[in-house]
Amino acid sequence: MLDRPDLILAAIPLLSVSGLALQSVVVAGIGTGLLTGPLSVAGYLAAFALILRELLAGPLADRSGES
């Protein structure tokens, strides 16, 4: 059975590569150069936001605030 820490640890690398995966899906169209630049960084920012959210508002933060 998967617990919350396992899911968070699995989500971090998936979010990291999601921006690169979206960038590779966008193949043709108007303004793809403008679109692919932010997409390459979006996955890394999403993973970083998840880590910060877990550190600041997750169960670990709740436990450290009680002591």
N, C-alpha and C. Protein backbone atom coordinates (compact mmCIF):
# COMPACT_ATOMS: atom_id res chain seq x y z
N MET A 1 0.84 -1.17 0.00
CA MET A 1 0.00 0.00 0.00
C MET A 1 0.89 1.25 0.00
N LEU A 2 0.51 2.21 -0.80
CA LEU A 2 1.28 3.45 -0.90
C LEU A 2 0.80 4.46 0.15
N ASP A 3 1.73 5.02 0.86
CA ASP A 3 1.43 6.06 1.83
C ASP A 3 1.73 7.42 1.23
N ARG A 4 1.40 8.47 1.95
CA ARG A 4 1.63 9.83 1.47
C ARG A 4 3.09 10.12 1.15
N PRO A 5 4.05 9.74 2.02
CA PRO A 5 5.45 10.03 1.66
C PRO A 5 5.90 9.33 0.38
N ASP A 6 5.40 8.13 0.15
CA ASP A 6 5.76 7.43 -1.08
C ASP A 6 5.21 8.15 -2.30
N LEU A 7 4.00 8.64 -2.20
CA LEU A 7 3.40 9.35 -3.33
C LEU A 7 4.11 10.67 -3.61
N ILE A 8 4.50 11.36 -2.57
CA ILE A 8 5.22 12.62 -2.75
C ILE A 8 6.57 12.36 -3.40
N LEU A 9 7.28 11.34 -2.92
CA LEU A 9 8.59 11.03 -3.51
C LEU A 9 8.46 10.55 -4.95
N ALA A 10 7.37 9.92 -5.30
CA ALA A 10 7.16 9.51 -6.69
C ALA A 10 6.75 10.68 -7.57
N ALA A 11 6.06 11.65 -7.00
CA ALA A 11 5.57 12.78 -7.79
C ALA A 11 6.67 13.77 -8.15
N ILE A 12 7.70 13.86 -7.34
CA ILE A 12 8.75 14.85 -7.60
C ILE A 12 9.46 14.62 -8.95
N PRO A 13 9.97 13.42 -9.24
CA PRO A 13 10.59 13.25 -10.56
C PRO A 13 9.59 13.30 -11.71
N LEU A 14 8.35 12.86 -11.47
CA LEU A 14 7.34 12.94 -12.52
C LEU A 14 7.04 14.39 -12.88
N LEU A 15 6.95 15.24 -11.89
CA LEU A 15 6.73 16.66 -12.17
C LEU A 15 7.94 17.28 -12.84
N SER A 16 9.12 16.84 -12.47
CA SER A 16 10.34 17.41 -13.06
C SER A 16 10.42 17.16 -14.55
N VAL A 17 10.03 15.99 -14.99
CA VAL A 17 10.12 15.68 -16.42
C VAL A 17 8.85 16.05 -17.18
N SER A 18 7.80 16.47 -16.47
CA SER A 18 6.56 16.80 -17.16
C SER A 18 6.73 17.99 -18.09
N GLY A 19 7.54 18.97 -17.69
CA GLY A 19 7.77 20.12 -18.56
C GLY A 19 8.49 19.72 -19.84
N LEU A 20 9.46 18.83 -19.71
CA LEU A 20 10.17 18.37 -20.90
C LEU A 20 9.27 17.50 -21.79
N ALA A 21 8.39 16.73 -21.16
CA ALA A 21 7.46 15.92 -21.95
C ALA A 21 6.48 16.80 -22.70
N LEU A 22 5.97 17.83 -22.05
CA LEU A 22 5.07 18.75 -22.74
C LEU A 22 5.78 19.50 -23.85
N GLN A 23 7.04 19.82 -23.62
CA GLN A 23 7.81 20.53 -24.64
C GLN A 23 7.99 19.65 -25.87
N SER A 24 8.20 18.36 -25.68
CA SER A 24 8.38 17.47 -26.82
C SER A 24 7.08 17.18 -27.55
N VAL A 25 5.94 17.34 -26.87
CA VAL A 25 4.64 17.12 -27.52
C VAL A 25 4.30 18.26 -28.46
N VAL A 26 4.69 19.48 -28.08
CA VAL A 26 4.41 20.63 -28.93
C VAL A 26 5.37 20.57 -30.10
N VAL A 27 4.86 20.18 -31.24
CA VAL A 27 5.72 19.95 -32.39
C VAL A 27 5.62 21.09 -33.39
N ALA A 28 4.42 21.46 -33.77
CA ALA A 28 4.26 22.47 -34.81
C ALA A 28 3.16 23.44 -34.41
N GLY A 29 3.23 24.60 -34.97
CA GLY A 29 2.21 25.61 -34.69
C GLY A 29 2.82 26.99 -34.66
N ILE A 30 1.96 27.96 -34.53
CA ILE A 30 2.41 29.35 -34.50
C ILE A 30 2.90 29.67 -33.10
N GLY A 31 4.06 30.20 -32.99
CA GLY A 31 4.60 30.63 -31.70
C GLY A 31 5.11 29.49 -30.83
N THR A 32 5.51 28.37 -31.45
CA THR A 32 5.99 27.26 -30.62
C THR A 32 7.29 27.60 -29.91
N GLY A 33 8.08 28.47 -30.49
CA GLY A 33 9.31 28.89 -29.82
C GLY A 33 9.01 29.64 -28.54
N LEU A 34 7.96 30.45 -28.57
CA LEU A 34 7.56 31.17 -27.36
C LEU A 34 6.95 30.22 -26.33
N LEU A 35 6.35 29.14 -26.79
CA LEU A 35 5.67 28.21 -25.89
C LEU A 35 6.64 27.22 -25.26
N THR A 36 7.63 26.78 -26.00
CA THR A 36 8.51 25.73 -25.47
C THR A 36 9.50 26.25 -24.45
N GLY A 37 9.83 27.51 -24.47
CA GLY A 37 10.74 28.06 -23.48
C GLY A 37 10.21 27.93 -22.06
N PRO A 38 9.01 28.44 -21.78
CA PRO A 38 8.47 28.28 -20.43
C PRO A 38 8.14 26.84 -20.06
N LEU A 39 7.81 26.00 -21.03
CA LEU A 39 7.46 24.62 -20.72
C LEU A 39 8.64 23.83 -20.20
N SER A 40 9.82 24.14 -20.65
CA SER A 40 10.98 23.39 -20.19
C SER A 40 11.27 23.64 -18.72
N VAL A 41 10.88 24.79 -18.21
CA VAL A 41 11.13 25.15 -16.82
C VAL A 41 9.93 24.84 -15.93
N ALA A 42 8.75 24.69 -16.52
CA ALA A 42 7.52 24.53 -15.74
C ALA A 42 7.55 23.29 -14.86
N GLY A 43 8.09 22.19 -15.35
CA GLY A 43 8.15 20.97 -14.55
C GLY A 43 9.04 21.12 -13.34
N TYR A 44 10.17 21.76 -13.52
CA TYR A 44 11.08 21.96 -12.39
C TYR A 44 10.45 22.88 -11.34
N LEU A 45 9.76 23.92 -11.79
CA LEU A 45 9.10 24.82 -10.85
C LEU A 45 7.97 24.12 -10.11
N ALA A 46 7.24 23.24 -10.80
CA ALA A 46 6.16 22.50 -10.14
C ALA A 46 6.72 21.55 -9.08
N ALA A 47 7.83 20.89 -9.39
CA ALA A 47 8.45 19.99 -8.41
C ALA A 47 8.98 20.79 -7.22
N PHE A 48 9.57 21.93 -7.47
CA PHE A 48 10.07 22.78 -6.39
C PHE A 48 8.93 23.29 -5.52
N ALA A 49 7.81 23.66 -6.15
CA ALA A 49 6.65 24.11 -5.39
C ALA A 49 6.08 22.99 -4.53
N LEU A 50 6.08 21.78 -5.04
CA LEU A 50 5.61 20.63 -4.25
C LEU A 50 6.50 20.40 -3.04
N ILE A 51 7.80 20.50 -3.23
CA ILE A 51 8.73 20.31 -2.12
C ILE A 51 8.54 21.39 -1.07
N LEU A 52 8.41 22.64 -1.51
CA LEU A 52 8.20 23.73 -0.55
C LEU A 52 6.88 23.58 0.18
N ARG A 53 5.83 23.16 -0.54
CA ARG A 53 4.54 22.99 0.10
C ARG A 53 4.59 21.90 1.15
N GLU A 54 5.29 20.83 0.86
CA GLU A 54 5.40 19.74 1.83
C GLU A 54 6.23 20.17 3.05
N LEU A 55 7.26 20.96 2.81
CA LEU A 55 8.10 21.40 3.93
C LEU A 55 7.39 22.43 4.81
N LEU A 56 6.62 23.31 4.20
CA LEU A 56 6.01 24.40 4.94
C LEU A 56 4.61 24.09 5.46
N ALA A 57 3.86 23.22 4.77
CA ALA A 57 2.48 22.99 5.17
C ALA A 57 2.12 21.51 5.28
N GLY A 58 3.07 20.64 5.10
CA GLY A 58 2.78 19.21 5.15
C GLY A 58 2.80 18.65 6.56
N PRO A 59 2.71 17.35 6.67
CA PRO A 59 2.71 16.71 7.99
C PRO A 59 4.00 16.94 8.78
N LEU A 60 5.11 17.06 8.10
CA LEU A 60 6.37 17.30 8.79
C LEU A 60 6.36 18.66 9.49
N ALA A 61 5.81 19.66 8.83
CA ALA A 61 5.70 20.98 9.43
C ALA A 61 4.75 20.97 10.62
N ASP A 62 3.68 20.19 10.52
CA ASP A 62 2.73 20.08 11.63
C ASP A 62 3.40 19.43 12.85
N ARG A 63 4.20 18.39 12.61
CA ARG A 63 4.87 17.71 13.72
C ARG A 63 5.92 18.59 14.37
N SER A 64 6.65 19.37 13.58
CA SER A 64 7.69 20.22 14.15
C SER A 64 7.10 21.41 14.90
N GLY A 65 5.90 21.84 14.51
CA GLY A 65 5.26 22.94 15.20
C GLY A 65 4.69 22.55 16.55
N GLU A 66 4.42 21.26 16.76
CA GLU A 66 3.86 20.80 18.02
C GLU A 66 4.89 20.72 19.13
N SER A 67 6.17 20.52 18.80
CA SER A 67 7.15 20.32 19.85
C SER A 67 7.58 21.59 20.52
